[in-house]
Amino acid sequence: MKKNITLILFALFLAFNGGSALAFQGATTGKCADCHNLSKEEAAKLLKADVYKAQIKDVRLSPVKGLWEVEVTQVDKTFIIYVDFAKQHLVEGRFTELAQLGESKPFKKVDLKKIPLDNAIIVGNPKAEKKVIVFDDPDCPYCSKLHEEIKKIVAKRSDIAFYIKMYPLAIHPNAYEKSKSIVCQKSAKLLDDAFAGKKLPKAECDTQEIDNNIKLAEELGISGTPGLIMPDGRLFPGYASAEVLLGVIDNPQP
């Protein structure tokens, strides 16, 4: 029992500190830029920037050895992607220093009144007392994983419902139209199909809901998916298991 509690607390720590926690051992020592280089032009070619209508704003050494930090702009959004020195792998996510383990960071809280739920996709009991808001991207692999955990929760807890707001990220070029299709039909089934990799029908309406969601997410400080907002207003970034999520939901903070 004690071991399980320790594991849950560790998972909570990782979730509190930025969603994806990645640790890499440095592949090189010394001045890495002396033996490795990556120009903006080469980064654009590697990341197929022309295909995705993106621009490479900057390339610099990552705080983690063995990686380049590439600043990318697409439409009106800027985000960071990491490329390894071998130029074979792309890494998305955030880094947590191992020295920070044991240090807890407080949740950011948001004003729930600023978040309209009229057009959200509801997973669970619509009359549930506890509402968890989720900003999802249909092409986000961690959103897909989280969706399975959400199903586990609503299967055994009728007092909890999840309100899904579609938030397609710029790095997923097909996510916007998929999100429109889901929102137009307000269909949890289409959301399931998207996460299962199935082809979705063309959007049946000309909704502004997706653009509104993107703007709202940025105002709330949500820059990645999945982004969860707990019933007490706490912002919970990233994937977590059903067990961890229930631990947060059932222990609200004033």
C-alpha atoms as a PDB file:
ATOM      1  CA  MET A   1       0.000   0.000   0.000  1.00  0.00           C
ATOM      2  CA  LYS A   2       2.820   2.380   0.952  1.00  0.00           C
ATOM      3  CA  LYS A   3       4.560   1.616  -2.346  1.00  0.00           C
ATOM      4  CA  ASN A   4       1.398   2.419  -4.326  1.00  0.00           C
ATOM      5  CA  ILE A   5       0.981   5.755  -2.525  1.00  0.00           C
ATOM      6  CA  THR A   6       4.608   6.637  -3.295  1.00  0.00           C
ATOM      7  CA  LEU A   7       4.096   5.858  -6.987  1.00  0.00           C
ATOM      8  CA  ILE A   8       0.943   7.973  -7.110  1.00  0.00           C
ATOM      9  CA  LEU A   9       2.721  10.911  -5.471  1.00  0.00           C
ATOM     10  CA  PHE A  10       5.597  10.585  -7.949  1.00  0.00           C
ATOM     11  CA  ALA A  11       3.169  10.546 -10.876  1.00  0.00           C
ATOM     12  CA  LEU A  12       1.405  13.581  -9.449  1.00  0.00           C
ATOM     13  CA  PHE A  13       4.720  15.416  -9.169  1.00  0.00           C
ATOM     14  CA  LEU A  14       5.554  14.755 -12.804  1.00  0.00           C
ATOM     15  CA  ALA A  15       2.098  15.863 -13.892  1.00  0.00           C
ATOM     16  CA  PHE A  16       2.279  19.037 -11.782  1.00  0.00           C
ATOM     17  CA  ASN A  17       5.591  19.989 -13.342  1.00  0.00           C
ATOM     18  CA  GLY A  18       4.645  20.182 -16.974  1.00  0.00           C
ATOM     19  CA  GLY A  19       2.959  17.169 -18.538  1.00  0.00           C
ATOM     20  CA  SER A  20       5.757  15.255 -20.275  1.00  0.00           C
ATOM     21  CA  ALA A  21       8.800  14.807 -18.062  1.00  0.00           C
ATOM     22  CA  LEU A  22      11.781  13.639 -20.128  1.00  0.00           C
ATOM     23  CA  ALA A  23      15.321  12.889 -19.012  1.00  0.00           C
ATOM     24  CA  PHE A  24      18.261  12.288 -21.353  1.00  0.00           C
ATOM     25  CA  GLN A  25      21.863  11.438 -20.716  1.00  0.00           C
ATOM     26  CA  GLY A  26      24.210  13.790 -22.528  1.00  0.00           C
ATOM     27  CA  ALA A  27      25.664  12.188 -25.650  1.00  0.00           C
ATOM     28  CA  THR A  28      28.642  14.515 -25.820  1.00  0.00           C
ATOM     29  CA  THR A  29      30.848  16.656 -23.649  1.00  0.00           C
ATOM     30  CA  GLY A  30      32.666  19.895 -24.229  1.00  0.00           C
ATOM     31  CA  LYS A  31      31.451  22.570 -26.591  1.00  0.00           C
ATOM     32  CA  CYS A  32      28.764  20.703 -28.536  1.00  0.00           C
ATOM     33  CA  ALA A  33      28.431  23.408 -31.168  1.00  0.00           C
ATOM     34  CA  ASP A  34      32.061  22.780 -32.203  1.00  0.00           C
ATOM     35  CA  CYS A  35      31.278  19.299 -33.532  1.00  0.00           C
ATOM     36  CA  HIS A  36      27.553  19.538 -34.297  1.00  0.00           C
ATOM     37  CA  ASN A  37      25.600  22.129 -36.217  1.00  0.00           C
ATOM     38  CA  LEU A  38      22.057  22.657 -37.410  1.00  0.00           C
ATOM     39  CA  SER A  39      21.163  25.677 -39.503  1.00  0.00           C
ATOM     40  CA  LYS A  40      17.670  27.127 -39.746  1.00  0.00           C
ATOM     41  CA  GLU A  41      17.561  26.045 -43.387  1.00  0.00           C
ATOM     42  CA  GLU A  42      18.451  22.451 -42.506  1.00  0.00           C
ATOM     43  CA  ALA A  43      15.964  22.431 -39.625  1.00  0.00           C
ATOM     44  CA  ALA A  44      13.253  23.632 -42.000  1.00  0.00           C
ATOM     45  CA  LYS A  45      14.050  20.757 -44.352  1.00  0.00           C
ATOM     46  CA  LEU A  46      14.141  18.150 -41.565  1.00  0.00           C
ATOM     47  CA  LEU A  47      10.825  19.317 -40.104  1.00  0.00           C
ATOM     48  CA  LYS A  48       9.193  19.760 -43.533  1.00  0.00           C
ATOM     49  CA  ALA A  49       8.382  23.357 -42.658  1.00  0.00           C
ATOM     50  CA  ASP A  50       7.243  24.125 -46.209  1.00  0.00           C
ATOM     51  CA  VAL A  51       4.673  21.308 -46.112  1.00  0.00           C
ATOM     52  CA  TYR A  52       3.246  22.476 -42.789  1.00  0.00           C
ATOM     53  CA  LYS A  53       3.493  26.168 -43.696  1.00  0.00           C
ATOM     54  CA  ALA A  54       5.760  26.819 -40.722  1.00  0.00           C
ATOM     55  CA  GLN A  55       8.792  29.042 -40.197  1.00  0.00           C
ATOM     56  CA  ILE A  56      11.954  28.273 -38.253  1.00  0.00           C
ATOM     57  CA  LYS A  57      12.600  31.314 -36.073  1.00  0.00           C
ATOM     58  CA  ASP A  58      15.684  30.106 -34.208  1.00  0.00           C
ATOM     59  CA  VAL A  59      17.922  27.090 -33.598  1.00  0.00           C
ATOM     60  CA  ARG A  60      19.939  26.859 -30.392  1.00  0.00           C
ATOM     61  CA  LEU A  61      21.498  24.306 -28.076  1.00  0.00           C
ATOM     62  CA  SER A  62      19.024  22.681 -25.718  1.00  0.00           C
ATOM     63  CA  PRO A  63      19.571  22.744 -21.931  1.00  0.00           C
ATOM     64  CA  VAL A  64      19.744  18.952 -22.314  1.00  0.00           C
ATOM     65  CA  LYS A  65      22.930  17.766 -24.005  1.00  0.00           C
ATOM     66  CA  GLY A  66      22.551  15.999 -27.316  1.00  0.00           C
ATOM     67  CA  LEU A  67      19.576  18.021 -28.522  1.00  0.00           C
ATOM     68  CA  TRP A  68      18.915  21.134 -30.567  1.00  0.00           C
ATOM     69  CA  GLU A  69      16.081  23.415 -29.489  1.00  0.00           C
ATOM     70  CA  VAL A  70      14.162  24.617 -32.543  1.00  0.00           C
ATOM     71  CA  GLU A  71      11.736  27.537 -32.251  1.00  0.00           C
ATOM     72  CA  VAL A  72       8.925  27.135 -34.774  1.00  0.00           C
ATOM     73  CA  THR A  73       6.150  29.535 -35.786  1.00  0.00           C
ATOM     74  CA  GLN A  74       3.026  28.326 -37.567  1.00  0.00           C
ATOM     75  CA  VAL A  75       0.172  30.720 -38.321  1.00  0.00           C
ATOM     76  CA  ASP A  76       0.158  32.864 -35.151  1.00  0.00           C
ATOM     77  CA  LYS A  77       1.535  30.289 -32.705  1.00  0.00           C
ATOM     78  CA  THR A  78       5.103  29.670 -31.571  1.00  0.00           C
ATOM     79  CA  PHE A  79       6.296  26.408 -30.057  1.00  0.00           C
ATOM     80  CA  ILE A  80       9.493  24.455 -29.356  1.00  0.00           C
ATOM     81  CA  ILE A  81      10.584  21.166 -30.932  1.00  0.00           C
ATOM     82  CA  TYR A  82      13.789  19.290 -30.079  1.00  0.00           C
ATOM     83  CA  VAL A  83      15.981  17.523 -32.648  1.00  0.00           C
ATOM     84  CA  ASP A  84      18.762  15.137 -31.656  1.00  0.00           C
ATOM     85  CA  PHE A  85      22.333  15.719 -32.823  1.00  0.00           C
ATOM     86  CA  ALA A  86      22.119  12.674 -35.130  1.00  0.00           C
ATOM     87  CA  LYS A  87      19.153  14.390 -36.827  1.00  0.00           C
ATOM     88  CA  GLN A  88      17.153  11.189 -36.647  1.00  0.00           C
ATOM     89  CA  HIS A  89      14.605  11.954 -33.933  1.00  0.00           C
ATOM     90  CA  LEU A  90      12.164  14.709 -33.043  1.00  0.00           C
ATOM     91  CA  VAL A  91      11.146  15.242 -29.413  1.00  0.00           C
ATOM     92  CA  GLU A  92       8.017  17.043 -28.233  1.00  0.00           C
ATOM     93  CA  GLY A  93       7.480  17.818 -24.551  1.00  0.00           C
ATOM     94  CA  ARG A  94       8.957  19.558 -21.554  1.00  0.00           C
ATOM     95  CA  PHE A  95      11.957  18.726 -19.433  1.00  0.00           C
ATOM     96  CA  THR A  96      12.073  18.372 -15.667  1.00  0.00           C
ATOM     97  CA  GLU A  97      15.478  18.434 -13.997  1.00  0.00           C
ATOM     98  CA  LEU A  98      16.044  15.444 -11.722  1.00  0.00           C
ATOM     99  CA  ALA A  99      17.310  17.861  -9.068  1.00  0.00           C
ATOM    100  CA  GLN A 100      13.781  19.266  -8.897  1.00  0.00           C
ATOM    101  CA  LEU A 101      12.263  15.958  -7.790  1.00  0.00           C
ATOM    102  CA  GLY A 102      10.677  16.425  -4.382  1.00  0.00           C
ATOM    103  CA  GLU A 103       9.980  20.101  -5.008  1.00  0.00           C
ATOM    104  CA  SER A 104       6.264  20.694  -5.411  1.00  0.00           C
ATOM    105  CA  LYS A 105       4.925  23.517  -7.522  1.00  0.00           C
ATOM    106  CA  PRO A 106       1.463  24.939  -6.936  1.00  0.00           C
ATOM    107  CA  PHE A 107      -1.237  24.486  -9.538  1.00  0.00           C
ATOM    108  CA  LYS A 108      -2.202  27.506 -11.550  1.00  0.00           C
ATOM    109  CA  LYS A 109      -5.890  28.312 -11.141  1.00  0.00           C
ATOM    110  CA  VAL A 110      -8.178  29.681 -13.822  1.00  0.00           C
ATOM    111  CA  ASP A 111     -11.559  31.385 -13.672  1.00  0.00           C
ATOM    112  CA  LEU A 112     -14.137  28.752 -14.633  1.00  0.00           C
ATOM    113  CA  LYS A 113     -16.648  31.477 -15.496  1.00  0.00           C
ATOM    114  CA  LYS A 114     -14.507  32.375 -18.516  1.00  0.00           C
ATOM    115  CA  ILE A 115     -14.984  28.935 -20.064  1.00  0.00           C
ATOM    116  CA  PRO A 116     -18.252  28.408 -21.993  1.00  0.00           C
ATOM    117  CA  LEU A 117     -19.394  24.792 -22.054  1.00  0.00           C
ATOM    118  CA  ASP A 118     -22.418  25.015 -24.366  1.00  0.00           C
ATOM    119  CA  ASN A 119     -20.630  23.414 -27.309  1.00  0.00           C
ATOM    120  CA  ALA A 120     -18.373  21.051 -25.375  1.00  0.00           C
ATOM    121  CA  ILE A 121     -18.471  17.306 -26.044  1.00  0.00           C
ATOM    122  CA  ILE A 122     -19.662  15.654 -22.830  1.00  0.00           C
ATOM    123  CA  VAL A 123     -18.178  12.323 -21.780  1.00  0.00           C
ATOM    124  CA  GLY A 124     -20.022  10.931 -18.778  1.00  0.00           C
ATOM    125  CA  ASN A 125     -23.165  11.947 -16.927  1.00  0.00           C
ATOM    126  CA  PRO A 126     -24.392  15.385 -18.138  1.00  0.00           C
ATOM    127  CA  LYS A 127     -25.878  15.952 -14.680  1.00  0.00           C
ATOM    128  CA  ALA A 128     -22.649  15.127 -12.840  1.00  0.00           C
ATOM    129  CA  GLU A 129     -21.753  17.480 -10.007  1.00  0.00           C
ATOM    130  CA  LYS A 130     -18.026  17.479 -10.775  1.00  0.00           C
ATOM    131  CA  LYS A 131     -17.060  18.850 -14.189  1.00  0.00           C
ATOM    132  CA  VAL A 132     -13.565  18.454 -15.611  1.00  0.00           C
ATOM    133  CA  ILE A 133     -12.784  20.530 -18.711  1.00  0.00           C
ATOM    134  CA  VAL A 134     -10.357  19.033 -21.219  1.00  0.00           C
ATOM    135  CA  PHE A 135      -8.689  20.852 -24.122  1.00  0.00           C
ATOM    136  CA  ASP A 136      -8.053  18.089 -26.673  1.00  0.00           C
ATOM    137  CA  ASP A 137      -6.364  17.715 -30.051  1.00  0.00           C
ATOM    138  CA  PRO A 138      -7.740  14.817 -32.163  1.00  0.00           C
ATOM    139  CA  ASP A 139      -4.243  13.996 -33.463  1.00  0.00           C
ATOM    140  CA  CYS A 140      -2.499  14.218 -30.077  1.00  0.00           C
ATOM    141  CA  PRO A 141      -1.297  10.749 -28.929  1.00  0.00           C
ATOM    142  CA  TYR A 142      -1.384  11.717 -25.252  1.00  0.00           C
ATOM    143  CA  CYS A 143      -4.955  12.967 -25.665  1.00  0.00           C
ATOM    144  CA  SER A 144      -5.858   9.555 -27.027  1.00  0.00           C
ATOM    145  CA  LYS A 145      -4.255   7.848 -24.036  1.00  0.00           C
ATOM    146  CA  LEU A 146      -6.008  10.206 -21.645  1.00  0.00           C
ATOM    147  CA  HIS A 147      -9.336   9.503 -23.346  1.00  0.00           C
ATOM    148  CA  GLU A 148      -9.087   5.847 -22.319  1.00  0.00           C
ATOM    149  CA  GLU A 149      -8.468   6.883 -18.705  1.00  0.00           C
ATOM    150  CA  ILE A 150     -11.455   9.244 -18.864  1.00  0.00           C
ATOM    151  CA  LYS A 151     -13.654   6.348 -19.957  1.00  0.00           C
ATOM    152  CA  LYS A 152     -12.482   4.316 -16.963  1.00  0.00           C
ATOM    153  CA  ILE A 153     -13.454   7.133 -14.611  1.00  0.00           C
ATOM    154  CA  VAL A 154     -16.940   7.799 -15.994  1.00  0.00           C
ATOM    155  CA  ALA A 155     -17.667   4.062 -16.084  1.00  0.00           C
ATOM    156  CA  LYS A 156     -17.521   3.926 -12.287  1.00  0.00           C
ATOM    157  CA  ARG A 157     -18.215   7.515 -11.220  1.00  0.00           C
ATOM    158  CA  SER A 158     -21.564   9.051 -12.199  1.00  0.00           C
ATOM    159  CA  ASP A 159     -20.677  12.192 -10.236  1.00  0.00           C
ATOM    160  CA  ILE A 160     -17.846  13.099 -12.646  1.00  0.00           C
ATOM    161  CA  ALA A 161     -18.190  14.264 -16.254  1.00  0.00           C
ATOM    162  CA  PHE A 162     -15.588  15.501 -18.712  1.00  0.00           C
ATOM    163  CA  TYR A 163     -16.325  18.450 -21.001  1.00  0.00           C
ATOM    164  CA  ILE A 164     -14.137  18.232 -24.093  1.00  0.00           C
ATOM    165  CA  LYS A 165     -13.186  21.408 -25.951  1.00  0.00           C
ATOM    166  CA  MET A 166     -11.390  20.831 -29.231  1.00  0.00           C
ATOM    167  CA  TYR A 167      -8.026  22.600 -29.379  1.00  0.00           C
ATOM    168  CA  PRO A 168      -6.073  21.580 -32.517  1.00  0.00           C
ATOM    169  CA  LEU A 169      -2.367  22.331 -32.309  1.00  0.00           C
ATOM    170  CA  ALA A 170      -0.489  23.939 -35.168  1.00  0.00           C
ATOM    171  CA  ILE A 171       1.937  21.000 -35.356  1.00  0.00           C
ATOM    172  CA  HIS A 172      -0.936  18.721 -36.450  1.00  0.00           C
ATOM    173  CA  PRO A 173      -2.048  20.068 -39.859  1.00  0.00           C
ATOM    174  CA  ASN A 174      -5.167  17.864 -40.129  1.00  0.00           C
ATOM    175  CA  ALA A 175      -6.400  18.430 -36.584  1.00  0.00           C
ATOM    176  CA  TYR A 176      -8.295  21.654 -37.311  1.00  0.00           C
ATOM    177  CA  GLU A 177     -10.703  20.127 -39.844  1.00  0.00           C
ATOM    178  CA  LYS A 178     -11.143  17.030 -37.686  1.00  0.00           C
ATOM    179  CA  SER A 179     -12.008  19.253 -34.732  1.00  0.00           C
ATOM    180  CA  LYS A 180     -14.589  21.112 -36.831  1.00  0.00           C
ATOM    181  CA  SER A 181     -16.194  17.833 -37.845  1.00  0.00           C
ATOM    182  CA  ILE A 182     -16.473  16.731 -34.203  1.00  0.00           C
ATOM    183  CA  VAL A 183     -17.836  20.071 -33.008  1.00  0.00           C
ATOM    184  CA  CYS A 184     -20.335  20.452 -35.859  1.00  0.00           C
ATOM    185  CA  GLN A 185     -21.966  17.153 -34.952  1.00  0.00           C
ATOM    186  CA  LYS A 186     -21.227  17.560 -31.239  1.00  0.00           C
ATOM    187  CA  SER A 187     -20.369  13.893 -31.370  1.00  0.00           C
ATOM    188  CA  ALA A 188     -18.520  11.866 -28.749  1.00  0.00           C
ATOM    189  CA  LYS A 189     -18.551   9.013 -31.281  1.00  0.00           C
ATOM    190  CA  LEU A 190     -16.560  11.084 -33.782  1.00  0.00           C
ATOM    191  CA  LEU A 191     -14.120  11.953 -31.011  1.00  0.00           C
ATOM    192  CA  ASP A 192     -13.677   8.221 -30.345  1.00  0.00           C
ATOM    193  CA  ASP A 193     -13.191   7.628 -34.069  1.00  0.00           C
ATOM    194  CA  ALA A 194     -10.564  10.366 -34.299  1.00  0.00           C
ATOM    195  CA  PHE A 195      -8.546   8.881 -31.449  1.00  0.00           C
ATOM    196  CA  ALA A 196      -8.882   5.452 -33.089  1.00  0.00           C
ATOM    197  CA  GLY A 197      -7.313   6.857 -36.253  1.00  0.00           C
ATOM    198  CA  LYS A 198     -10.474   6.555 -38.337  1.00  0.00           C
ATOM    199  CA  LYS A 199     -11.312   8.958 -41.141  1.00  0.00           C
ATOM    200  CA  LEU A 200     -13.867  11.591 -40.139  1.00  0.00           C
ATOM    201  CA  PRO A 201     -16.576  13.055 -42.372  1.00  0.00           C
ATOM    202  CA  LYS A 202     -16.165  16.583 -43.659  1.00  0.00           C
ATOM    203  CA  ALA A 203     -17.432  19.276 -41.297  1.00  0.00           C
ATOM    204  CA  GLU A 204     -21.117  19.995 -41.839  1.00  0.00           C
ATOM    205  CA  CYS A 205     -21.059  23.558 -40.553  1.00  0.00           C
ATOM    206  CA  ASP A 206     -18.968  26.706 -40.662  1.00  0.00           C
ATOM    207  CA  THR A 207     -18.355  27.092 -36.944  1.00  0.00           C
ATOM    208  CA  GLN A 208     -16.117  29.624 -35.190  1.00  0.00           C
ATOM    209  CA  GLU A 209     -15.968  27.379 -32.139  1.00  0.00           C
ATOM    210  CA  ILE A 210     -12.495  26.040 -32.903  1.00  0.00           C
ATOM    211  CA  ASP A 211     -10.994  29.500 -33.349  1.00  0.00           C
ATOM    212  CA  ASN A 212     -12.673  30.599 -30.128  1.00  0.00           C
ATOM    213  CA  ASN A 213     -11.232  27.581 -28.302  1.00  0.00           C
ATOM    214  CA  ILE A 214      -7.720  28.313 -29.571  1.00  0.00           C
ATOM    215  CA  LYS A 215      -7.962  31.925 -28.422  1.00  0.00           C
ATOM    216  CA  LEU A 216      -9.403  30.887 -25.045  1.00  0.00           C
ATOM    217  CA  ALA A 217      -6.698  28.274 -24.455  1.00  0.00           C
ATOM    218  CA  GLU A 218      -3.984  30.849 -25.097  1.00  0.00           C
ATOM    219  CA  GLU A 219      -5.661  33.313 -22.725  1.00  0.00           C
ATOM    220  CA  LEU A 220      -5.779  30.624 -20.032  1.00  0.00           C
ATOM    221  CA  GLY A 221      -2.108  29.766 -20.518  1.00  0.00           C
ATOM    222  CA  ILE A 222      -2.736  26.362 -22.107  1.00  0.00           C
ATOM    223  CA  SER A 223      -0.087  25.820 -24.775  1.00  0.00           C
ATOM    224  CA  GLY A 224      -0.266  22.052 -25.238  1.00  0.00           C
ATOM    225  CA  THR A 225      -2.634  19.125 -25.106  1.00  0.00           C
ATOM    226  CA  PRO A 226      -4.178  17.563 -23.253  1.00  0.00           C
ATOM    227  CA  GLY A 227      -4.907  20.441 -20.906  1.00  0.00           C
ATOM    228  CA  LEU A 228      -7.291  19.711 -18.043  1.00  0.00           C
ATOM    229  CA  ILE A 229      -9.066  22.116 -15.733  1.00  0.00           C
ATOM    230  CA  MET A 230     -10.314  20.568 -12.516  1.00  0.00           C
ATOM    231  CA  PRO A 231     -13.674  21.365 -10.874  1.00  0.00           C
ATOM    232  CA  ASP A 232     -11.886  23.717  -8.449  1.00  0.00           C
ATOM    233  CA  GLY A 233     -10.226  25.631 -11.303  1.00  0.00           C
ATOM    234  CA  ARG A 234      -6.788  24.049 -11.093  1.00  0.00           C
ATOM    235  CA  LEU A 235      -4.970  23.728 -14.404  1.00  0.00           C
ATOM    236  CA  PHE A 236      -3.574  20.215 -14.807  1.00  0.00           C
ATOM    237  CA  PRO A 237      -1.331  19.869 -17.885  1.00  0.00           C
ATOM    238  CA  GLY A 238      -0.698  16.582 -19.615  1.00  0.00           C
ATOM    239  CA  TYR A 239      -1.644  12.929 -19.454  1.00  0.00           C
ATOM    240  CA  ALA A 240      -2.252  11.110 -16.177  1.00  0.00           C
ATOM    241  CA  SER A 241      -3.781   7.779 -15.207  1.00  0.00           C
ATOM    242  CA  ALA A 242      -7.348   7.449 -13.939  1.00  0.00           C
ATOM    243  CA  GLU A 243      -6.001   6.800 -10.450  1.00  0.00           C
ATOM    244  CA  VAL A 244      -3.947   9.988 -10.411  1.00  0.00           C
ATOM    245  CA  LEU A 245      -6.772  12.076 -11.873  1.00  0.00           C
ATOM    246  CA  LEU A 246      -9.234  10.839  -9.265  1.00  0.00           C
ATOM    247  CA  GLY A 247      -6.734  11.741  -6.568  1.00  0.00           C
ATOM    248  CA  VAL A 248      -6.734  15.336  -7.817  1.00  0.00           C
ATOM    249  CA  ILE A 249     -10.483  15.572  -8.493  1.00  0.00           C
ATOM    250  CA  ASP A 250     -11.437  14.178  -5.089  1.00  0.00           C
ATOM    251  CA  ASN A 251      -9.063  16.477  -3.208  1.00  0.00           C
ATOM    252  CA  PRO A 252     -10.029  20.026  -4.223  1.00  0.00           C
ATOM    253  CA  GLN A 253      -8.045  23.027  -3.055  1.00  0.00           C
ATOM    254  CA  PRO A 254      -9.631  26.278  -1.864  1.00  0.00           C
END
